[in-house]
Amino acid sequence: MGSPFSIITYSNDSVKVVRSISRAYLLVDSLNSVYSDYDLRSELSVLSQKGESLKVSDALWDILEKSQYAFLKSNGAFDISIGPLVKLWRTARKLKQLPSDTAIRNAQQRVGFKFIKMNPTTHEVKLLRNNMQLDLGGIAKGYIAQKVVDFLTNEGLVSSLVDAGGDLAMGQAPPSKKAWSVGVNIPSSEELLPRYLFLQNAAVATSGDMYQYVEIDGKHYSHIVNPKTGLGLIHQRNVTVIAPDGATADWLATACSVLPVKKALKLCDSFPNTGLLIAEKKGKMILKWQNSYFEKMME
C-alpha cells in the first residue's frame, strides 16, 4: 500500500516468534497483492481495468462489503471509488499546480459507490462507469493491520502491535504493562499532545496532512479529497480515531477528516467503544474536539 509496515510482539520463545512473524509478513504481502492501487497487477487494479463483471476473491469481497457499509454510514464522506480524483491530486502535489475545473468535473463523473454493482450470491463485482479507479487507501492499511494482529493472536502471540503506515492495531498489553501507550501528533507538527492514549485489544488511526499536502497560491491543500466537491481539503486537521478493529478506525479517520466536526462526533458516537479527537490548526491556535470515550482512554 506504499507505506512502511512493522510488527512488535512479546514471547519467551524466539524460534516461534521468528516463524510466526515471517508468516505474518507473507500474509501482508498476499493482501497487498489484492488491495494495492500502486500495483497494476493487484486484484483491485485488475477489477478497475476490467469492463465486465468479475468474480473476486473472498479477501477483496470482504473489504468491499466493509467499504460499502462505511460509505452508507458516513453518508458518502468515505468512498473507495474516489480513485480518479486522488490521481488528479497526486499529480497536483507533484507539479504544484491545481487541477482544472474541467478535469475535476470529468473525474467526478467516474466517482460514486452507486457505480459499483456487487452480487452477494456470486461475489461478482462490476464497475458501471468506464475508467473508474478504486482506492482502498482509507481502509486497507487498518484492515491488514487487524488481520495480522488476529493471526498472531491465533499463533499464541497475544501481546502484539502492528503499525501499518501509522494505522495501529494491537492485542493485549505488553507483559507487566497495563496497556500500550500511543502518542498523538499536533497538526502540522512532529510534536505530540501532552497526554497519551492507553489501549489494548483496540485500533487507532490518524488521518491528517502533516506530510502529504501541497501549497499553491498561499493555500494549503491536503492529500485527502472530499468525494462530493472533488477538492483537496483546505483545513489543517489531524483526526485520530480509536475503534475495536483496524478497518473501522481507518475509514472513520478518513470520513471524519471530510465531515464537519458535529457530524464527525455524531458518527463516531454511533459506534460502541469508539473515540474521536479532532485537532485543527487555525492560525497559531490549535482547536480540539473530542468525545467522551476518547477522553476516557487518555492519561
Protein backbone atom coordinates (compact mmCIF):
# COMPACT_ATOMS: atom_id res chain seq x y z
CA MET A 1 0.00 0.00 0.00
CA GLY A 2 3.03 2.28 -0.36
CA SER A 3 3.63 2.53 3.42
CA PRO A 4 6.11 1.08 5.93
CA PHE A 5 4.86 -1.88 7.97
CA SER A 6 6.21 -3.02 11.35
CA ILE A 7 5.31 -5.58 14.00
CA ILE A 8 6.08 -5.63 17.73
CA THR A 9 5.39 -8.76 19.74
CA TYR A 10 6.41 -10.37 23.04
CA SER A 11 7.26 -14.00 23.73
CA ASN A 12 9.79 -16.15 25.56
CA ASP A 13 10.05 -18.43 22.52
CA SER A 14 12.31 -16.70 19.98
CA VAL A 15 12.03 -19.54 17.44
CA LYS A 16 8.24 -19.28 17.48
CA VAL A 17 8.41 -15.51 17.09
CA VAL A 18 10.67 -15.71 14.03
CA ARG A 19 8.45 -18.33 12.40
CA SER A 20 5.19 -16.51 13.16
CA ILE A 21 6.47 -13.07 12.13
CA SER A 22 7.75 -14.49 8.84
CA ARG A 23 4.32 -15.94 8.14
CA ALA A 24 2.68 -12.66 9.18
CA TYR A 25 4.70 -10.74 6.59
CA LEU A 26 3.73 -13.28 3.95
CA LEU A 27 0.11 -12.53 4.88
CA VAL A 28 0.80 -8.81 4.46
CA ASP A 29 2.34 -9.40 1.03
CA SER A 30 -0.59 -11.54 -0.08
CA LEU A 31 -3.15 -8.90 0.96
CA ASN A 32 -1.09 -6.11 -0.59
CA SER A 33 -1.23 -8.02 -3.90
CA VAL A 34 -5.03 -7.85 -3.62
CA TYR A 35 -5.60 -4.29 -2.36
CA SER A 36 -2.80 -2.05 -3.68
CA ASP A 37 -3.73 0.56 -6.27
CA TYR A 38 0.01 1.22 -6.80
CA ASP A 39 0.41 -2.29 -8.27
CA LEU A 40 -1.18 -2.60 -11.71
CA ARG A 41 -1.23 -6.39 -11.27
CA SER A 42 -3.16 -6.35 -8.00
CA GLU A 43 -6.67 -7.79 -7.95
CA LEU A 44 -8.05 -4.32 -7.18
CA SER A 45 -6.27 -2.81 -10.19
CA VAL A 46 -7.46 -5.62 -12.46
CA LEU A 47 -11.04 -5.00 -11.27
CA SER A 48 -10.66 -1.29 -12.07
CA GLN A 49 -9.31 -2.09 -15.53
CA LYS A 50 -11.94 -4.70 -16.47
CA GLY A 51 -15.03 -3.63 -18.34
CA GLU A 52 -17.03 -6.73 -17.45
CA SER A 53 -18.28 -8.38 -14.27
CA LEU A 54 -15.51 -10.10 -12.29
CA LYS A 55 -15.78 -12.76 -9.59
CA VAL A 56 -13.50 -11.52 -6.80
CA SER A 57 -11.62 -13.33 -4.05
CA ASP A 58 -13.00 -13.61 -0.53
CA ALA A 59 -10.34 -11.14 0.64
CA LEU A 60 -11.44 -8.47 -1.84
CA TRP A 61 -15.13 -9.15 -1.33
CA ASP A 62 -14.83 -8.72 2.45
CA ILE A 63 -13.18 -5.32 2.23
CA LEU A 64 -15.59 -4.16 -0.49
CA GLU A 65 -18.50 -5.05 1.80
CA LYS A 66 -16.91 -3.11 4.65
CA SER A 67 -16.30 -0.18 2.30
CA GLN A 68 -19.94 -0.20 1.19
CA TYR A 69 -21.05 -0.13 4.84
CA ALA A 70 -18.62 2.74 5.53
CA PHE A 71 -19.96 4.68 2.54
CA LEU A 72 -23.54 4.34 3.79
CA LYS A 73 -22.75 5.12 7.44
CA SER A 74 -20.70 8.21 6.52
CA ASN A 75 -23.28 9.48 4.00
CA GLY A 76 -20.67 9.34 1.25
CA ALA A 77 -17.81 11.03 3.11
CA PHE A 78 -15.87 7.77 2.70
CA ASP A 79 -15.95 6.46 -0.86
CA ILE A 80 -13.45 3.98 -2.34
CA SER A 81 -14.46 4.97 -5.89
CA ILE A 82 -12.58 8.24 -5.36
CA GLY A 83 -9.53 6.97 -7.29
CA PRO A 84 -9.85 9.31 -10.32
CA LEU A 85 -9.86 12.35 -8.02
CA VAL A 86 -6.99 11.04 -5.90
CA LYS A 87 -4.94 10.55 -9.05
CA LEU A 88 -5.58 14.18 -10.05
CA TRP A 89 -4.42 15.49 -6.67
CA ARG A 90 -1.34 13.23 -6.63
CA THR A 91 -0.34 14.95 -9.88
CA ALA A 92 -1.20 18.36 -8.39
CA ARG A 93 1.16 17.74 -5.45
CA LYS A 94 3.91 16.65 -7.83
CA LEU A 95 3.52 19.61 -10.21
CA LYS A 96 2.40 22.12 -7.54
CA GLN A 97 -0.44 23.06 -9.85
CA LEU A 98 -4.18 22.85 -9.19
CA PRO A 99 -6.26 20.50 -11.36
CA SER A 100 -8.51 22.38 -13.76
CA ASP A 101 -12.24 22.63 -13.06
CA THR A 102 -12.86 20.58 -16.21
CA ALA A 103 -10.50 17.82 -15.06
CA ILE A 104 -12.22 17.68 -11.67
CA ARG A 105 -15.69 17.51 -13.23
CA ASN A 106 -14.60 14.76 -15.61
CA ALA A 107 -13.12 12.76 -12.74
CA GLN A 108 -16.25 13.23 -10.62
CA GLN A 109 -18.35 11.58 -13.33
CA ARG A 110 -16.45 8.34 -12.55
CA VAL A 111 -16.84 8.62 -8.76
CA GLY A 112 -19.71 7.18 -6.75
CA PHE A 113 -20.33 3.91 -4.92
CA LYS A 114 -23.63 3.62 -6.80
CA PHE A 115 -21.49 2.72 -9.84
CA ILE A 116 -20.12 -0.39 -8.05
CA LYS A 117 -22.50 -3.30 -8.59
CA MET A 118 -21.98 -6.14 -6.11
CA ASN A 119 -23.69 -9.54 -6.31
CA PRO A 120 -23.71 -11.08 -2.79
CA THR A 121 -24.62 -14.53 -4.11
CA THR A 122 -21.84 -14.94 -6.66
CA HIS A 123 -19.34 -12.36 -5.29
CA GLU A 124 -19.20 -10.83 -8.74
CA VAL A 125 -18.41 -7.12 -8.99
CA LYS A 126 -18.92 -4.82 -11.96
CA LEU A 127 -17.93 -1.18 -12.29
CA LEU A 128 -20.68 0.58 -14.21
CA ARG A 129 -18.62 3.54 -15.49
CA ASN A 130 -15.61 3.35 -17.78
CA ASN A 131 -12.21 4.27 -16.36
CA MET A 132 -13.25 4.00 -12.73
CA GLN A 133 -10.44 3.54 -10.23
CA LEU A 134 -11.00 2.08 -6.77
CA ASP A 135 -8.76 3.29 -3.97
CA LEU A 136 -8.68 1.37 -0.67
CA GLY A 137 -6.09 3.69 0.87
CA GLY A 138 -8.52 4.85 3.56
CA ILE A 139 -9.36 1.38 4.89
CA ALA A 140 -6.91 -1.29 3.72
CA LYS A 141 -3.94 -0.45 5.97
CA GLY A 142 -6.06 -0.67 9.10
CA TYR A 143 -7.77 -3.80 7.77
CA ILE A 144 -4.43 -5.54 7.11
CA ALA A 145 -3.01 -4.46 10.48
CA GLN A 146 -6.00 -6.05 12.21
CA LYS A 147 -5.66 -9.25 10.17
CA VAL A 148 -2.03 -9.55 11.31
CA VAL A 149 -2.91 -8.99 14.99
CA ASP A 150 -5.63 -11.64 14.72
CA PHE A 151 -3.19 -14.03 13.03
CA LEU A 152 -0.53 -13.52 15.73
CA THR A 153 -3.13 -13.98 18.47
CA ASN A 154 -4.11 -17.33 16.93
CA GLU A 155 -0.40 -18.20 16.92
CA GLY A 156 -0.30 -17.60 20.67
CA LEU A 157 1.39 -14.19 20.43
CA VAL A 158 -1.33 -12.29 22.23
CA SER A 159 0.72 -9.17 23.06
CA SER A 160 1.34 -7.68 19.62
CA LEU A 161 1.14 -4.28 17.99
CA VAL A 162 1.10 -3.74 14.23
CA ASP A 163 1.88 -0.38 12.62
CA ALA A 164 0.72 -0.09 9.00
CA GLY A 165 1.88 3.35 7.93
CA GLY A 166 0.58 4.94 11.14
CA ASP A 167 -2.57 2.84 11.40
CA LEU A 168 -2.20 0.78 14.57
CA ALA A 169 -3.88 -2.44 15.66
CA MET A 170 -2.98 -4.08 18.94
CA GLY A 171 -3.70 -7.11 21.06
CA GLN A 172 -3.26 -7.49 24.79
CA ALA A 173 -0.95 -5.18 26.70
CA PRO A 174 2.78 -5.98 26.82
CA PRO A 175 3.94 -8.06 29.80
CA SER A 176 3.97 -6.09 33.08
CA LYS A 177 2.13 -3.19 31.39
CA LYS A 178 -1.49 -2.19 31.79
CA ALA A 179 -1.79 -1.06 28.14
CA TRP A 180 0.01 0.07 25.01
CA SER A 181 0.81 3.82 25.11
CA VAL A 182 0.13 5.76 21.91
CA GLY A 183 1.11 9.37 21.22
CA VAL A 184 -0.95 11.71 19.05
CA ASN A 185 0.57 14.39 16.80
CA ILE A 186 -0.24 18.08 16.96
CA PRO A 187 -1.47 19.18 13.48
CA SER A 188 1.33 20.12 11.05
CA SER A 189 3.98 19.21 13.63
CA GLU A 190 6.01 16.24 14.80
CA GLU A 191 5.30 17.26 18.39
CA LEU A 192 2.94 15.10 20.43
CA LEU A 193 0.00 16.14 22.53
CA PRO A 194 0.98 16.08 26.22
CA ARG A 195 -1.39 13.20 27.10
CA TYR A 196 -1.13 9.67 25.71
CA LEU A 197 -3.69 7.03 24.81
CA PHE A 198 -3.52 3.79 26.83
CA LEU A 199 -5.14 0.93 24.94
CA GLN A 200 -5.28 -2.81 24.41
CA ASN A 201 -7.34 -5.01 22.07
CA ALA A 202 -8.14 -1.93 20.01
CA ALA A 203 -7.03 0.03 16.97
CA VAL A 204 -6.01 3.64 16.34
CA ALA A 205 -5.82 5.53 13.07
CA THR A 206 -4.80 9.12 12.47
CA SER A 207 -5.64 10.96 9.29
CA GLY A 208 -4.02 14.29 8.57
CA ASP A 209 -1.97 16.39 6.19
CA MET A 210 1.31 16.83 8.08
CA TYR A 211 3.34 15.22 5.30
CA GLN A 212 1.04 14.87 2.28
CA TYR A 213 -0.17 18.24 1.07
CA VAL A 214 0.58 20.92 -1.47
CA GLU A 215 0.64 24.69 -1.06
CA ILE A 216 -0.48 26.62 -4.12
CA ASP A 217 -1.01 30.39 -4.23
CA GLY A 218 -0.73 30.52 -0.46
CA LYS A 219 -3.46 27.93 0.11
CA HIS A 220 -2.83 24.58 1.79
CA TYR A 221 -4.45 21.55 0.06
CA SER A 222 -4.47 18.16 1.78
CA HIS A 223 -3.95 14.79 0.08
CA ILE A 224 -7.38 13.88 1.47
CA VAL A 225 -10.06 14.63 -1.11
CA ASN A 226 -13.71 15.37 -0.45
CA PRO A 227 -15.65 12.97 -2.73
CA LYS A 228 -18.54 15.41 -3.07
CA THR A 229 -16.55 18.51 -4.06
CA GLY A 230 -13.59 16.85 -5.76
CA LEU A 231 -11.23 19.20 -3.91
CA GLY A 232 -8.34 18.53 -1.55
CA LEU A 233 -9.28 19.57 1.98
CA ILE A 234 -8.01 23.01 2.95
CA HIS A 235 -8.31 22.79 6.74
CA GLN A 236 -5.18 21.68 8.59
CA ARG A 237 -6.63 18.92 10.71
CA ASN A 238 -5.45 15.79 12.44
CA VAL A 239 -8.20 13.26 13.12
CA THR A 240 -7.49 10.37 15.48
CA VAL A 241 -9.97 7.53 15.93
CA ILE A 242 -9.97 4.69 18.44
CA ALA A 243 -12.10 1.70 17.42
CA PRO A 244 -12.40 -2.01 18.26
CA ASP A 245 -10.81 -3.00 14.91
CA GLY A 246 -8.33 -1.59 12.41
CA ALA A 247 -10.60 -1.25 9.38
CA THR A 248 -13.20 0.75 11.31
CA ALA A 249 -10.60 3.06 12.84
CA ASP A 250 -9.06 3.65 9.41
CA TRP A 251 -12.19 4.54 7.46
CA LEU A 252 -13.67 6.60 10.30
CA ALA A 253 -10.48 8.70 10.46
CA THR A 254 -10.81 9.40 6.73
CA ALA A 255 -14.54 10.16 6.88
CA CYS A 256 -14.17 12.41 9.93
CA SER A 257 -11.48 14.40 8.13
CA VAL A 258 -14.08 15.27 5.48
CA LEU A 259 -17.16 15.74 7.67
CA PRO A 260 -17.97 18.88 9.68
CA VAL A 261 -16.98 18.49 13.34
CA LYS A 262 -20.50 17.96 14.71
CA LYS A 263 -21.32 15.28 12.14
CA ALA A 264 -17.97 13.58 12.76
CA LEU A 265 -18.62 13.40 16.51
CA LYS A 266 -22.15 12.09 15.91
CA LEU A 267 -20.86 9.40 13.53
CA CYS A 268 -18.26 8.10 16.00
CA ASP A 269 -20.71 8.20 18.89
CA SER A 270 -22.96 5.83 16.91
CA PHE A 271 -20.33 3.06 17.34
CA PRO A 272 -19.54 1.32 20.65
CA ASN A 273 -16.08 1.81 22.20
CA THR A 274 -15.11 4.36 19.58
CA GLY A 275 -13.24 7.55 20.34
CA LEU A 276 -12.61 10.65 18.24
CA LEU A 277 -10.18 13.53 18.57
CA ILE A 278 -10.13 16.35 16.03
CA ALA A 279 -7.23 18.79 16.37
CA GLU A 280 -7.35 21.63 13.88
CA LYS A 281 -4.79 24.37 13.32
CA LYS A 282 -6.23 27.85 12.77
CA GLY A 283 -3.51 30.48 12.58
CA LYS A 284 -1.37 29.98 15.66
CA MET A 285 -4.16 28.27 17.58
CA ILE A 286 -4.92 24.54 17.91
CA LEU A 287 -8.65 23.89 18.34
CA LYS A 288 -9.62 20.49 19.75
CA TRP A 289 -12.82 18.47 19.89
CA GLN A 290 -13.15 15.00 21.36
CA ASN A 291 -15.86 12.65 22.51
CA SER A 292 -16.15 11.14 25.98
CA TYR A 293 -14.69 7.74 25.00
CA PHE A 294 -11.51 9.34 23.69
CA GLU A 295 -11.13 11.32 26.91
CA LYS A 296 -11.63 8.12 28.92
CA MET A 297 -8.71 6.42 27.11
CA MET A 298 -6.22 9.27 27.71
CA GLU A 299 -3.85 9.78 30.62
